[in-house]
């Protein structure tokens, strides 16, 4: 899925229009040929932020994942 991209100069001229677009789906804002900002609704931002903090209980892990964690060995730090 490709995100729609708009030039920052156009977004600043018609902010209300792009604000409404961003409420429906995220839009990328391009400046000097690079996209560094994405506009999205606060509800979508909050949904994504919650996903970043999901933790699983040990019993929710697959047996393979649980065993991989249980048997993990620390990696030596470089000198």
Protein backbone atom coordinates (compact mmCIF):
# COMPACT_ATOMS: atom_id res chain seq x y z
CA UNK A 1 0.00 0.00 0.00
CA UNK A 2 1.42 3.36 -1.04
CA UNK A 3 0.86 6.47 1.02
CA UNK A 4 -0.23 9.62 -0.81
CA UNK A 5 2.49 12.27 -0.81
CA UNK A 6 1.99 16.02 -1.08
CA UNK A 7 4.45 18.94 -1.20
CA UNK A 8 4.68 20.96 2.00
CA UNK A 9 4.02 24.19 0.09
CA UNK A 10 0.69 22.79 -1.13
CA UNK A 11 -0.22 21.48 2.34
CA UNK A 12 0.49 24.88 3.91
CA UNK A 13 -1.67 26.68 1.31
CA UNK A 14 -4.63 24.31 1.75
CA UNK A 15 -4.12 23.04 5.28
CA UNK A 16 -7.83 22.49 5.99
CA UNK A 17 -8.20 20.29 2.91
CA UNK A 18 -5.19 18.13 3.81
CA UNK A 19 -6.25 18.06 7.46
CA UNK A 20 -9.53 16.48 6.36
CA UNK A 21 -7.66 14.03 4.10
CA UNK A 22 -5.41 13.01 7.02
CA UNK A 23 -8.47 12.30 9.14
CA UNK A 24 -9.48 9.63 6.61
CA UNK A 25 -6.02 8.14 5.99
CA UNK A 26 -2.39 9.10 6.66
CA UNK A 27 -0.69 11.41 4.17
CA UNK A 28 3.02 12.07 3.69
CA UNK A 29 4.34 15.62 3.50
CA UNK A 30 7.36 16.13 1.26
CA UNK A 31 9.83 18.98 1.59
CA UNK A 32 12.93 19.41 -0.57
CA UNK A 33 12.29 16.01 -2.14
CA UNK A 34 12.15 14.05 1.11
CA UNK A 35 9.26 12.80 3.21
CA UNK A 36 10.00 13.45 6.88
CA UNK A 37 6.46 14.01 8.19
CA UNK A 38 3.25 12.00 8.05
CA UNK A 39 -0.11 13.50 9.02
CA UNK A 40 -2.64 11.14 10.58
CA UNK A 41 -5.62 11.32 12.88
CA UNK A 42 -5.06 11.39 16.63
CA UNK A 43 -7.09 8.18 16.94
CA UNK A 44 -4.78 6.38 14.49
CA UNK A 45 -1.71 7.74 16.27
CA UNK A 46 -3.03 6.50 19.62
CA UNK A 47 -3.80 3.08 18.11
CA UNK A 48 -0.25 2.80 16.78
CA UNK A 49 1.24 4.02 20.06
CA UNK A 50 -0.67 1.32 21.97
CA UNK A 51 0.72 -1.36 19.64
CA UNK A 52 4.23 -0.28 20.60
CA UNK A 53 3.53 -1.24 24.21
CA UNK A 54 1.92 -4.65 23.82
CA UNK A 55 3.52 -7.29 26.00
CA UNK A 56 2.84 -11.01 25.99
CA UNK A 57 2.63 -13.28 28.98
CA UNK A 58 4.94 -16.32 28.78
CA UNK A 59 1.98 -18.64 28.19
CA UNK A 60 0.99 -16.61 25.12
CA UNK A 61 4.31 -17.33 23.37
CA UNK A 62 4.73 -20.25 21.02
CA UNK A 63 6.81 -23.08 22.44
CA UNK A 64 9.60 -22.30 19.97
CA UNK A 65 9.67 -18.60 20.96
CA UNK A 66 9.59 -19.44 24.65
CA UNK A 67 12.46 -21.92 24.27
CA UNK A 68 14.49 -19.46 22.19
CA UNK A 69 14.18 -16.83 24.93
CA UNK A 70 14.80 -19.32 27.73
CA UNK A 71 17.95 -20.65 26.04
CA UNK A 72 19.34 -17.32 24.79
CA UNK A 73 22.98 -16.59 25.56
CA UNK A 74 24.33 -13.08 26.06
CA UNK A 75 26.50 -11.66 23.30
CA UNK A 76 29.98 -10.57 24.38
CA UNK A 77 30.48 -6.80 24.40
CA UNK A 78 33.21 -5.53 22.05
CA UNK A 79 36.33 -4.24 23.84
